[in-house]
């Protein structure tokens, strides 16, 4: 690619980015949205988080894990149990991480 094509590509991508990100800031009044769309958007963050986290828990190197001796499974179980018991985010992170470290470093899982 020539320098001119590179500059034109970067400028085009910058314009598209600014336009799409400022689309919701341009109108002076709130855009009407159907109720079904509002209900669906309530679950979007949870769905996105699950889509990112779930493969990290049950897959290793692009394949499903084949053994129950995986530290991630126990760390998720302990972290989830702590969260449902105490409802605390920090404790959830600390308990899950502690189990993961003990199993990985202590047992070599």
PDB file of N, CA and C in Angstrom:
ATOM      1  N   UNK A   1       0.827  -1.182   0.000  1.00  0.00           N
ATOM      2  CA  UNK A   1       0.000   0.000   0.000  1.00  0.00           C
ATOM      3  C   UNK A   1       0.868   1.241   0.000  1.00  0.00           C
ATOM      4  N   UNK A   2       0.409   2.219  -0.681  1.00  0.00           N
ATOM      5  CA  UNK A   2       1.146   3.480  -0.714  1.00  0.00           C
ATOM      6  C   UNK A   2       0.808   4.303   0.536  1.00  0.00           C
ATOM      7  N   UNK A   3       1.582   5.339   0.754  1.00  0.00           N
ATOM      8  CA  UNK A   3       1.360   6.212   1.904  1.00  0.00           C
ATOM      9  C   UNK A   3      -0.010   6.873   1.807  1.00  0.00           C
ATOM     10  N   UNK A   4      -0.387   7.282   0.608  1.00  0.00           N
ATOM     11  CA  UNK A   4      -1.673   7.944   0.393  1.00  0.00           C
ATOM     12  C   UNK A   4      -2.832   7.007   0.759  1.00  0.00           C
ATOM     13  N   UNK A   5      -2.756   5.749   0.385  1.00  0.00           N
ATOM     14  CA  UNK A   5      -3.809   4.792   0.706  1.00  0.00           C
ATOM     15  C   UNK A   5      -3.881   4.540   2.218  1.00  0.00           C
ATOM     16  N   UNK A   6      -2.733   4.510   2.862  1.00  0.00           N
ATOM     17  CA  UNK A   6      -2.706   4.318   4.309  1.00  0.00           C
ATOM     18  C   UNK A   6      -3.354   5.493   5.030  1.00  0.00           C
ATOM     19  N   UNK A   7      -2.999   6.709   4.635  1.00  0.00           N
ATOM     20  CA  UNK A   7      -3.575   7.907   5.245  1.00  0.00           C
ATOM     21  C   UNK A   7      -5.080   7.958   5.000  1.00  0.00           C
ATOM     22  N   UNK A   8      -5.506   7.636   3.791  1.00  0.00           N
ATOM     23  CA  UNK A   8      -6.931   7.640   3.467  1.00  0.00           C
ATOM     24  C   UNK A   8      -7.675   6.580   4.290  1.00  0.00           C
ATOM     25  N   UNK A   9      -7.083   5.418   4.472  1.00  0.00           N
ATOM     26  CA  UNK A   9      -7.701   4.364   5.285  1.00  0.00           C
ATOM     27  C   UNK A   9      -7.845   4.770   6.745  1.00  0.00           C
ATOM     28  N   UNK A  10      -6.799   5.367   7.302  1.00  0.00           N
ATOM     29  CA  UNK A  10      -6.844   5.815   8.694  1.00  0.00           C
ATOM     30  C   UNK A  10      -7.873   6.922   8.871  1.00  0.00           C
ATOM     31  N   UNK A  11      -7.906   7.874   7.945  1.00  0.00           N
ATOM     32  CA  UNK A  11      -8.882   8.965   8.029  1.00  0.00           C
ATOM     33  C   UNK A  11     -10.314   8.429   7.917  1.00  0.00           C
ATOM     34  N   UNK A  12     -10.532   7.482   7.026  1.00  0.00           N
ATOM     35  CA  UNK A  12     -11.865   6.891   6.879  1.00  0.00           C
ATOM     36  C   UNK A  12     -12.303   6.153   8.128  1.00  0.00           C
ATOM     37  N   UNK A  13     -11.400   5.362   8.714  1.00  0.00           N
ATOM     38  CA  UNK A  13     -11.727   4.654   9.940  1.00  0.00           C
ATOM     39  C   UNK A  13     -11.982   5.620  11.095  1.00  0.00           C
ATOM     40  N   UNK A  14     -11.209   6.701  11.172  1.00  0.00           N
ATOM     41  CA  UNK A  14     -11.427   7.703  12.215  1.00  0.00           C
ATOM     42  C   UNK A  14     -12.792   8.367  12.051  1.00  0.00           C
ATOM     43  N   UNK A  15     -13.169   8.689  10.833  1.00  0.00           N
ATOM     44  CA  UNK A  15     -14.469   9.306  10.573  1.00  0.00           C
ATOM     45  C   UNK A  15     -15.609   8.371  10.948  1.00  0.00           C
ATOM     46  N   UNK A  16     -15.499   7.119  10.578  1.00  0.00           N
ATOM     47  CA  UNK A  16     -16.535   6.140  10.916  1.00  0.00           C
ATOM     48  C   UNK A  16     -16.634   5.970  12.427  1.00  0.00           C
ATOM     49  N   UNK A  17     -15.497   5.934  13.113  1.00  0.00           N
ATOM     50  CA  UNK A  17     -15.501   5.784  14.570  1.00  0.00           C
ATOM     51  C   UNK A  17     -16.163   6.969  15.247  1.00  0.00           C
ATOM     52  N   UNK A  18     -15.805   8.181  14.843  1.00  0.00           N
ATOM     53  CA  UNK A  18     -16.398   9.382  15.439  1.00  0.00           C
ATOM     54  C   UNK A  18     -17.899   9.420  15.165  1.00  0.00           C
ATOM     55  N   UNK A  19     -18.311   9.086  13.960  1.00  0.00           N
ATOM     56  CA  UNK A  19     -19.725   9.117  13.609  1.00  0.00           C
ATOM     57  C   UNK A  19     -20.529   8.102  14.411  1.00  0.00           C
ATOM     58  N   UNK A  20     -20.038   6.878  14.506  1.00  0.00           N
ATOM     59  CA  UNK A  20     -20.804   5.856  15.217  1.00  0.00           C
ATOM     60  C   UNK A  20     -20.816   6.083  16.715  1.00  0.00           C
ATOM     61  N   UNK A  21     -19.750   6.608  17.275  1.00  0.00           N
ATOM     62  CA  UNK A  21     -19.729   6.843  18.723  1.00  0.00           C
ATOM     63  C   UNK A  21     -20.501   8.087  19.115  1.00  0.00           C
ATOM     64  N   UNK A  22     -20.626   9.043  18.245  1.00  0.00           N
ATOM     65  CA  UNK A  22     -21.356  10.262  18.587  1.00  0.00           C
ATOM     66  C   UNK A  22     -22.813  10.214  18.133  1.00  0.00           C
ATOM     67  N   UNK A  23     -23.233   9.124  17.537  1.00  0.00           N
ATOM     68  CA  UNK A  23     -24.600   9.010  17.029  1.00  0.00           C
ATOM     69  C   UNK A  23     -25.632   9.229  18.127  1.00  0.00           C
ATOM     70  N   UNK A  24     -25.369   8.719  19.331  1.00  0.00           N
ATOM     71  CA  UNK A  24     -26.328   8.838  20.416  1.00  0.00           C
ATOM     72  C   UNK A  24     -26.236  10.186  21.127  1.00  0.00           C
ATOM     73  N   UNK A  25     -25.204  10.963  20.865  1.00  0.00           N
ATOM     74  CA  UNK A  25     -25.058  12.265  21.499  1.00  0.00           C
ATOM     75  C   UNK A  25     -25.640  13.392  20.662  1.00  0.00           C
ATOM     76  N   UNK A  26     -25.892  13.155  19.387  1.00  0.00           N
ATOM     77  CA  UNK A  26     -26.353  14.206  18.496  1.00  0.00           C
ATOM     78  C   UNK A  26     -27.801  14.648  18.733  1.00  0.00           C
ATOM     79  N   UNK A  27     -28.758  13.758  18.941  1.00  0.00           N
ATOM     80  CA  UNK A  27     -30.142  14.215  19.108  1.00  0.00           C
ATOM     81  C   UNK A  27     -30.324  14.998  20.410  1.00  0.00           C
ATOM     82  N   UNK A  28     -31.232  15.957  20.380  1.00  0.00           N
ATOM     83  CA  UNK A  28     -31.487  16.783  21.566  1.00  0.00           C
ATOM     84  C   UNK A  28     -32.457  16.110  22.533  1.00  0.00           C
ATOM     85  N   UNK A  29     -33.227  15.182  22.039  1.00  0.00           N
ATOM     86  CA  UNK A  29     -34.162  14.469  22.920  1.00  0.00           C
ATOM     87  C   UNK A  29     -33.857  12.973  22.839  1.00  0.00           C
ATOM     88  N   UNK A  30     -34.376  12.247  23.791  1.00  0.00           N
ATOM     89  CA  UNK A  30     -34.115  10.812  23.852  1.00  0.00           C
ATOM     90  C   UNK A  30     -34.761  10.098  22.669  1.00  0.00           C
ATOM     91  N   UNK A  31     -34.013   9.177  22.078  1.00  0.00           N
ATOM     92  CA  UNK A  31     -34.544   8.402  20.968  1.00  0.00           C
ATOM     93  C   UNK A  31     -35.534   7.359  21.489  1.00  0.00           C
ATOM     94  N   UNK A  32     -36.693   7.226  20.851  1.00  0.00           N
ATOM     95  CA  UNK A  32     -37.648   6.210  21.314  1.00  0.00           C
ATOM     96  C   UNK A  32     -37.104   4.807  21.046  1.00  0.00           C
ATOM     97  N   UNK A  33     -37.313   3.933  22.007  1.00  0.00           N
ATOM     98  CA  UNK A  33     -36.842   2.566  21.876  1.00  0.00           C
ATOM     99  C   UNK A  33     -37.979   1.635  22.312  1.00  0.00           C
ATOM    100  N   UNK A  34     -38.230   0.583  21.540  1.00  0.00           N
ATOM    101  CA  UNK A  34     -39.302  -0.334  21.927  1.00  0.00           C
ATOM    102  C   UNK A  34     -38.990  -1.020  23.258  1.00  0.00           C
ATOM    103  N   UNK A  35     -40.040  -1.408  23.958  1.00  0.00           N
ATOM    104  CA  UNK A  35     -39.868  -2.042  25.264  1.00  0.00           C
ATOM    105  C   UNK A  35     -39.083  -3.339  25.177  1.00  0.00           C
ATOM    106  N   UNK A  36     -39.278  -4.110  24.109  1.00  0.00           N
ATOM    107  CA  UNK A  36     -38.563  -5.374  23.983  1.00  0.00           C
ATOM    108  C   UNK A  36     -37.057  -5.140  23.855  1.00  0.00           C
ATOM    109  N   UNK A  37     -36.668  -4.040  23.217  1.00  0.00           N
ATOM    110  CA  UNK A  37     -35.246  -3.723  23.077  1.00  0.00           C
ATOM    111  C   UNK A  37     -34.653  -3.292  24.426  1.00  0.00           C
ATOM    112  N   UNK A  38     -35.429  -2.519  25.198  1.00  0.00           N
ATOM    113  CA  UNK A  38     -34.965  -2.109  26.526  1.00  0.00           C
ATOM    114  C   UNK A  38     -34.786  -3.322  27.429  1.00  0.00           C
ATOM    115  N   UNK A  39     -35.716  -4.263  27.379  1.00  0.00           N
ATOM    116  CA  UNK A  39     -35.610  -5.479  28.181  1.00  0.00           C
ATOM    117  C   UNK A  39     -34.385  -6.295  27.770  1.00  0.00           C
ATOM    118  N   UNK A  40     -34.144  -6.412  26.482  1.00  0.00           N
ATOM    119  CA  UNK A  40     -32.990  -7.163  26.005  1.00  0.00           C
ATOM    120  C   UNK A  40     -31.676  -6.529  26.400  1.00  0.00           C
ATOM    121  N   UNK A  41     -31.612  -5.214  26.402  1.00  0.00           N
ATOM    122  CA  UNK A  41     -30.375  -4.522  26.768  1.00  0.00           C
ATOM    123  C   UNK A  41     -30.050  -4.654  28.254  1.00  0.00           C
ATOM    124  N   UNK A  42     -31.032  -4.991  29.061  1.00  0.00           N
ATOM    125  CA  UNK A  42     -30.762  -5.226  30.481  1.00  0.00           C
ATOM    126  C   UNK A  42     -29.871  -6.440  30.672  1.00  0.00           C
ATOM    127  N   UNK A  43     -29.963  -7.426  29.780  1.00  0.00           N
ATOM    128  CA  UNK A  43     -29.206  -8.662  29.916  1.00  0.00           C
ATOM    129  C   UNK A  43     -27.936  -8.683  29.068  1.00  0.00           C
ATOM    130  N   UNK A  44     -27.694  -7.678  28.278  1.00  0.00           N
ATOM    131  CA  UNK A  44     -26.539  -7.659  27.384  1.00  0.00           C
ATOM    132  C   UNK A  44     -25.202  -7.719  28.129  1.00  0.00           C
ATOM    133  N   UNK A  45     -24.990  -6.957  29.202  1.00  0.00           N
ATOM    134  CA  UNK A  45     -23.694  -7.059  29.899  1.00  0.00           C
ATOM    135  C   UNK A  45     -23.448  -8.444  30.480  1.00  0.00           C
ATOM    136  N   UNK A  46     -24.472  -9.055  31.039  1.00  0.00           N
ATOM    137  CA  UNK A  46     -24.315 -10.395  31.597  1.00  0.00           C
ATOM    138  C   UNK A  46     -24.002 -11.405  30.501  1.00  0.00           C
ATOM    139  N   UNK A  47     -24.671 -11.281  29.360  1.00  0.00           N
ATOM    140  CA  UNK A  47     -24.417 -12.203  28.249  1.00  0.00           C
ATOM    141  C   UNK A  47     -23.005 -12.025  27.701  1.00  0.00           C
ATOM    142  N   UNK A  48     -22.550 -10.790  27.595  1.00  0.00           N
ATOM    143  CA  UNK A  48     -21.193 -10.541  27.097  1.00  0.00           C
ATOM    144  C   UNK A  48     -20.150 -11.087  28.068  1.00  0.00           C
ATOM    145  N   UNK A  49     -20.379 -10.903  29.363  1.00  0.00           N
ATOM    146  CA  UNK A  49     -19.448 -11.421  30.353  1.00  0.00           C
ATOM    147  C   UNK A  49     -19.401 -12.944  30.308  1.00  0.00           C
ATOM    148  N   UNK A  50     -20.552 -13.566  30.202  1.00  0.00           N
ATOM    149  CA  UNK A  50     -20.598 -15.029  30.127  1.00  0.00           C
ATOM    150  C   UNK A  50     -19.899 -15.540  28.873  1.00  0.00           C
ATOM    151  N   UNK A  51     -20.052 -14.825  27.776  1.00  0.00           N
ATOM    152  CA  UNK A  51     -19.427 -15.252  26.523  1.00  0.00           C
ATOM    153  C   UNK A  51     -17.909 -15.153  26.578  1.00  0.00           C
ATOM    154  N   UNK A  52     -17.396 -14.273  27.398  1.00  0.00           N
ATOM    155  CA  UNK A  52     -15.950 -14.129  27.531  1.00  0.00           C
ATOM    156  C   UNK A  52     -15.391 -15.083  28.586  1.00  0.00           C
ATOM    157  N   UNK A  53     -16.085 -15.222  29.708  1.00  0.00           N
ATOM    158  CA  UNK A  53     -15.571 -15.993  30.833  1.00  0.00           C
ATOM    159  C   UNK A  53     -15.754 -17.495  30.652  1.00  0.00           C
ATOM    160  N   UNK A  54     -16.901 -17.934  30.169  1.00  0.00           N
ATOM    161  CA  UNK A  54     -17.199 -19.376  30.072  1.00  0.00           C
ATOM    162  C   UNK A  54     -16.150 -20.152  29.270  1.00  0.00           C
ATOM    163  N   UNK A  55     -15.736 -19.698  28.101  1.00  0.00           N
ATOM    164  CA  UNK A  55     -14.696 -20.456  27.382  1.00  0.00           C
ATOM    165  C   UNK A  55     -13.373 -20.536  28.143  1.00  0.00           C
ATOM    166  N   UNK A  56     -13.047 -19.508  28.918  1.00  0.00           N
ATOM    167  CA  UNK A  56     -11.809 -19.534  29.701  1.00  0.00           C
ATOM    168  C   UNK A  56     -11.867 -20.575  30.812  1.00  0.00           C
ATOM    169  N   UNK A  57     -13.066 -20.879  31.274  1.00  0.00           N
ATOM    170  CA  UNK A  57     -13.210 -21.841  32.359  1.00  0.00           C
ATOM    171  C   UNK A  57     -13.188 -23.271  31.836  1.00  0.00           C
ATOM    172  N   UNK A  58     -13.875 -23.544  30.759  1.00  0.00           N
ATOM    173  CA  UNK A  58     -14.068 -24.934  30.316  1.00  0.00           C
ATOM    174  C   UNK A  58     -13.179 -25.355  29.154  1.00  0.00           C
ATOM    175  N   UNK A  59     -12.343 -24.459  28.645  1.00  0.00           N
ATOM    176  CA  UNK A  59     -11.494 -24.809  27.510  1.00  0.00           C
ATOM    177  C   UNK A  59     -10.027 -24.559  27.834  1.00  0.00           C
ATOM    178  N   UNK A  60      -9.177 -25.365  27.210  1.00  0.00           N
ATOM    179  CA  UNK A  60      -7.737 -25.188  27.338  1.00  0.00           C
ATOM    180  C   UNK A  60      -7.105 -25.437  25.971  1.00  0.00           C
ATOM    181  N   UNK A  61      -6.402 -24.465  25.461  1.00  0.00           N
ATOM    182  CA  UNK A  61      -5.737 -24.557  24.159  1.00  0.00           C
ATOM    183  C   UNK A  61      -6.716 -24.901  23.037  1.00  0.00           C
ATOM    184  N   UNK A  62      -7.912 -24.322  23.107  1.00  0.00           N
ATOM    185  CA  UNK A  62      -8.896 -24.491  22.037  1.00  0.00           C
ATOM    186  C   UNK A  62      -9.719 -25.754  22.101  1.00  0.00           C
ATOM    187  N   UNK A  63      -9.570 -26.548  23.151  1.00  0.00           N
ATOM    188  CA  UNK A  63     -10.343 -27.784  23.292  1.00  0.00           C
ATOM    189  C   UNK A  63     -10.931 -27.843  24.694  1.00  0.00           C
ATOM    190  N   UNK A  64     -12.038 -28.558  24.813  1.00  0.00           N
ATOM    191  CA  UNK A  64     -12.651 -28.720  26.130  1.00  0.00           C
ATOM    192  C   UNK A  64     -11.708 -29.486  27.051  1.00  0.00           C
ATOM    193  N   UNK A  65     -11.727 -29.134  28.327  1.00  0.00           N
ATOM    194  CA  UNK A  65     -10.875 -29.849  29.267  1.00  0.00           C
ATOM    195  C   UNK A  65     -11.430 -31.257  29.474  1.00  0.00           C
ATOM    196  N   UNK A  66     -10.538 -32.206  29.673  1.00  0.00           N
ATOM    197  CA  UNK A  66     -10.946 -33.607  29.765  1.00  0.00           C
ATOM    198  C   UNK A  66     -10.830 -34.164  31.172  1.00  0.00           C
ATOM    199  N   UNK A  67     -10.322 -33.381  32.100  1.00  0.00           N
ATOM    200  CA  UNK A  67     -10.096 -33.880  33.447  1.00  0.00           C
ATOM    201  C   UNK A  67     -10.767 -32.965  34.453  1.00  0.00           C
ATOM    202  N   UNK A  68     -11.210 -33.530  35.555  1.00  0.00           N
ATOM    203  CA  UNK A  68     -11.777 -32.717  36.623  1.00  0.00           C
ATOM    204  C   UNK A  68     -10.673 -32.064  37.443  1.00  0.00           C
ATOM    205  N   UNK A  69      -9.418 -32.487  37.225  1.00  0.00           N
ATOM    206  CA  UNK A  69      -8.295 -31.919  37.957  1.00  0.00           C
ATOM    207  C   UNK A  69      -7.789 -30.658  37.273  1.00  0.00           C
ATOM    208  N   UNK A  70      -8.659 -29.685  37.184  1.00  0.00           N
ATOM    209  CA  UNK A  70      -8.302 -28.386  36.624  1.00  0.00           C
ATOM    210  C   UNK A  70      -8.609 -27.342  37.689  1.00  0.00           C
ATOM    211  N   UNK A  71      -7.623 -26.559  38.043  1.00  0.00           N
ATOM    212  CA  UNK A  71      -7.759 -25.591  39.128  1.00  0.00           C
ATOM    213  C   UNK A  71      -8.857 -24.575  38.853  1.00  0.00           C
ATOM    214  N   UNK A  72      -9.099 -24.279  37.579  1.00  0.00           N
ATOM    215  CA  UNK A  72     -10.115 -23.278  37.240  1.00  0.00           C
ATOM    216  C   UNK A  72     -11.503 -23.700  37.681  1.00  0.00           C
ATOM    217  N   UNK A  73     -11.813 -24.977  37.543  1.00  0.00           N
ATOM    218  CA  UNK A  73     -13.141 -25.467  37.941  1.00  0.00           C
ATOM    219  C   UNK A  73     -13.387 -25.264  39.435  1.00  0.00           C
ATOM    220  N   UNK A  74     -12.394 -25.606  40.250  1.00  0.00           N
ATOM    221  CA  UNK A  74     -12.539 -25.456  41.695  1.00  0.00           C
ATOM    222  C   UNK A  74     -12.534 -23.986  42.105  1.00  0.00           C
ATOM    223  N   UNK A  75     -11.731 -23.170  41.436  1.00  0.00           N
ATOM    224  CA  UNK A  75     -11.701 -21.743  41.741  1.00  0.00           C
ATOM    225  C   UNK A  75     -13.046 -21.093  41.430  1.00  0.00           C
ATOM    226  N   UNK A  76     -13.662 -21.479  40.326  1.00  0.00           N
ATOM    227  CA  UNK A  76     -14.983 -20.946  39.980  1.00  0.00           C
ATOM    228  C   UNK A  76     -16.025 -21.410  40.989  1.00  0.00           C
ATOM    229  N   UNK A  77     -15.957 -22.672  41.393  1.00  0.00           N
ATOM    230  CA  UNK A  77     -16.922 -23.199  42.366  1.00  0.00           C
ATOM    231  C   UNK A  77     -16.807 -22.467  43.702  1.00  0.00           C
ATOM    232  N   UNK A  78     -15.588 -22.280  44.185  1.00  0.00           N
ATOM    233  CA  UNK A  78     -15.390 -21.591  45.464  1.00  0.00           C
ATOM    234  C   UNK A  78     -15.770 -20.119  45.355  1.00  0.00           C
ATOM    235  N   UNK A  79     -15.370 -19.474  44.281  1.00  0.00           N
ATOM    236  CA  UNK A  79     -15.725 -18.067  44.092  1.00  0.00           C
ATOM    237  C   UNK A  79     -17.228 -17.872  43.998  1.00  0.00           C
ATOM    238  N   UNK A  80     -17.902 -18.742  43.268  1.00  0.00           N
ATOM    239  CA  UNK A  80     -19.364 -18.647  43.144  1.00  0.00           C
ATOM    240  C   UNK A  80     -20.048 -18.898  44.481  1.00  0.00           C
ATOM    241  N   UNK A  81     -19.569 -19.897  45.226  1.00  0.00           N
ATOM    242  CA  UNK A  81     -20.145 -20.185  46.541  1.00  0.00           C
ATOM    243  C   UNK A  81     -19.972 -18.994  47.481  1.00  0.00           C
ATOM    244  N   UNK A  82     -18.789 -18.392  47.458  1.00  0.00           N
ATOM    245  CA  UNK A  82     -18.560 -17.219  48.310  1.00  0.00           C
ATOM    246  C   UNK A  82     -19.496 -16.076  47.920  1.00  0.00           C
ATOM    247  N   UNK A  83     -19.655 -15.857  46.632  1.00  0.00           N
ATOM    248  CA  UNK A  83     -20.513 -14.754  46.210  1.00  0.00           C
ATOM    249  C   UNK A  83     -21.961 -14.971  46.646  1.00  0.00           C
ATOM    250  N   UNK A  84     -22.474 -16.186  46.498  1.00  0.00           N
ATOM    251  CA  UNK A  84     -23.858 -16.439  46.891  1.00  0.00           C
ATOM    252  C   UNK A  84     -24.027 -16.440  48.409  1.00  0.00           C
ATOM    253  N   UNK A  85     -22.924 -16.678  49.145  1.00  0.00           N
ATOM    254  CA  UNK A  85     -22.984 -16.669  50.597  1.00  0.00           C
ATOM    255  C   UNK A  85     -22.921 -15.250  51.152  1.00  0.00           C
ATOM    256  N   UNK A  86     -21.939 -14.461  50.691  1.00  0.00           N
ATOM    257  CA  UNK A  86     -21.690 -13.126  51.248  1.00  0.00           C
ATOM    258  C   UNK A  86     -22.081 -11.965  50.333  1.00  0.00           C
ATOM    259  N   UNK A  87     -22.238 -12.204  49.050  1.00  0.00           N
ATOM    260  CA  UNK A  87     -22.548 -11.152  48.065  1.00  0.00           C
ATOM    261  C   UNK A  87     -21.472 -10.079  47.985  1.00  0.00           C
ATOM    262  N   UNK A  88     -20.221 -10.474  48.123  1.00  0.00           N
ATOM    263  CA  UNK A  88     -19.121  -9.518  48.061  1.00  0.00           C
ATOM    264  C   UNK A  88     -18.201  -9.812  46.887  1.00  0.00           C
ATOM    265  N   UNK A  89     -17.906  -8.800  46.092  1.00  0.00           N
ATOM    266  CA  UNK A  89     -17.069  -8.979  44.911  1.00  0.00           C
ATOM    267  C   UNK A  89     -15.611  -9.227  45.298  1.00  0.00           C
ATOM    268  N   UNK A  90     -15.082  -8.440  46.226  1.00  0.00           N
ATOM    269  CA  UNK A  90     -13.676  -8.587  46.611  1.00  0.00           C
ATOM    270  C   UNK A  90     -13.408  -9.976  47.186  1.00  0.00           C
ATOM    271  N   UNK A  91     -14.271 -10.437  48.072  1.00  0.00           N
ATOM    272  CA  UNK A  91     -14.106 -11.770  48.637  1.00  0.00           C
ATOM    273  C   UNK A  91     -14.202 -12.861  47.594  1.00  0.00           C
ATOM    274  N   UNK A  92     -15.058 -12.655  46.606  1.00  0.00           N
ATOM    275  CA  UNK A  92     -15.191 -13.616  45.510  1.00  0.00           C
ATOM    276  C   UNK A  92     -13.881 -13.731  44.747  1.00  0.00           C
ATOM    277  N   UNK A  93     -13.293 -12.596  44.429  1.00  0.00           N
ATOM    278  CA  UNK A  93     -12.036 -12.587  43.685  1.00  0.00           C
ATOM    279  C   UNK A  93     -10.914 -13.210  44.521  1.00  0.00           C
ATOM    280  N   UNK A  94     -10.837 -12.831  45.786  1.00  0.00           N
ATOM    281  CA  UNK A  94      -9.767 -13.334  46.652  1.00  0.00           C
ATOM    282  C   UNK A  94      -9.901 -14.834  46.877  1.00  0.00           C
ATOM    283  N   UNK A  95     -11.112 -15.306  47.155  1.00  0.00           N
ATOM    284  CA  UNK A  95     -11.284 -16.743  47.417  1.00  0.00           C
ATOM    285  C   UNK A  95     -11.006 -17.581  46.169  1.00  0.00           C
ATOM    286  N   UNK A  96     -11.504 -17.148  45.029  1.00  0.00           N
ATOM    287  CA  UNK A  96     -11.231 -17.880  43.792  1.00  0.00           C
ATOM    288  C   UNK A  96      -9.756 -17.891  43.438  1.00  0.00           C
ATOM    289  N   UNK A  97      -9.101 -16.759  43.607  1.00  0.00           N
ATOM    290  CA  UNK A  97      -7.672 -16.670  43.309  1.00  0.00           C
ATOM    291  C   UNK A  97      -6.856 -17.512  44.284  1.00  0.00           C
ATOM    292  N   UNK A  98      -7.244 -17.521  45.542  1.00  0.00           N
ATOM    293  CA  UNK A  98      -6.518 -18.324  46.534  1.00  0.00           C
ATOM    294  C   UNK A  98      -6.603 -19.811  46.205  1.00  0.00           C
ATOM    295  N   UNK A  99      -7.789 -20.271  45.852  1.00  0.00           N
ATOM    296  CA  UNK A  99      -7.945 -21.686  45.487  1.00  0.00           C
ATOM    297  C   UNK A  99      -7.131 -22.004  44.240  1.00  0.00           C
ATOM    298  N   UNK A 100      -7.164 -21.117  43.267  1.00  0.00           N
ATOM    299  CA  UNK A 100      -6.400 -21.327  42.035  1.00  0.00           C
ATOM    300  C   UNK A 100      -4.910 -21.423  42.330  1.00  0.00           C
ATOM    301  N   UNK A 101      -4.380 -20.517  43.165  1.00  0.00           N
ATOM    302  CA  UNK A 101      -2.963 -20.544  43.490  1.00  0.00           C
ATOM    303  C   UNK A 101      -2.584 -21.800  44.275  1.00  0.00           C
ATOM    304  N   UNK A 102      -3.397 -22.177  45.242  1.00  0.00           N
ATOM    305  CA  UNK A 102      -3.086 -23.363  46.040  1.00  0.00           C
ATOM    306  C   UNK A 102      -3.042 -24.602  45.145  1.00  0.00           C
ATOM    307  N   UNK A 103      -4.010 -24.740  44.276  1.00  0.00           N
ATOM    308  CA  UNK A 103      -4.054 -25.932  43.412  1.00  0.00           C
ATOM    309  C   UNK A 103      -2.957 -25.920  42.355  1.00  0.00           C
ATOM    310  N   UNK A 104      -2.657 -24.751  41.803  1.00  0.00           N
ATOM    311  CA  UNK A 104      -1.617 -24.693  40.752  1.00  0.00           C
ATOM    312  C   UNK A 104      -0.215 -24.815  41.332  1.00  0.00           C
ATOM    313  N   UNK A 105       0.052 -24.057  42.390  1.00  0.00           N
ATOM    314  CA  UNK A 105       1.395 -24.051  42.968  1.00  0.00           C
ATOM    315  C   UNK A 105       1.583 -25.252  43.899  1.00  0.00           C
ATOM    316  N   UNK A 106       0.586 -25.491  44.757  1.00  0.00           N
ATOM    317  CA  UNK A 106       0.721 -26.569  45.737  1.00  0.00           C
ATOM    318  C   UNK A 106       0.641 -27.960  45.131  1.00  0.00           C
ATOM    319  N   UNK A 107      -0.327 -28.199  44.257  1.00  0.00           N
ATOM    320  CA  UNK A 107      -0.522 -29.528  43.680  1.00  0.00           C
ATOM    321  C   UNK A 107      -0.013 -29.658  42.250  1.00  0.00           C
ATOM    322  N   UNK A 108       0.324 -28.557  41.647  1.00  0.00           N
ATOM    323  CA  UNK A 108       0.853 -28.601  40.285  1.00  0.00           C
ATOM    324  C   UNK A 108      -0.193 -28.857  39.210  1.00  0.00           C
ATOM    325  N   UNK A 109      -1.430 -28.530  39.501  1.00  0.00           N
ATOM    326  CA  UNK A 109      -2.484 -28.710  38.507  1.00  0.00           C
ATOM    327  C   UNK A 109      -2.279 -27.692  37.460  1.00  0.00           C
TER     328      UNK A 109
END
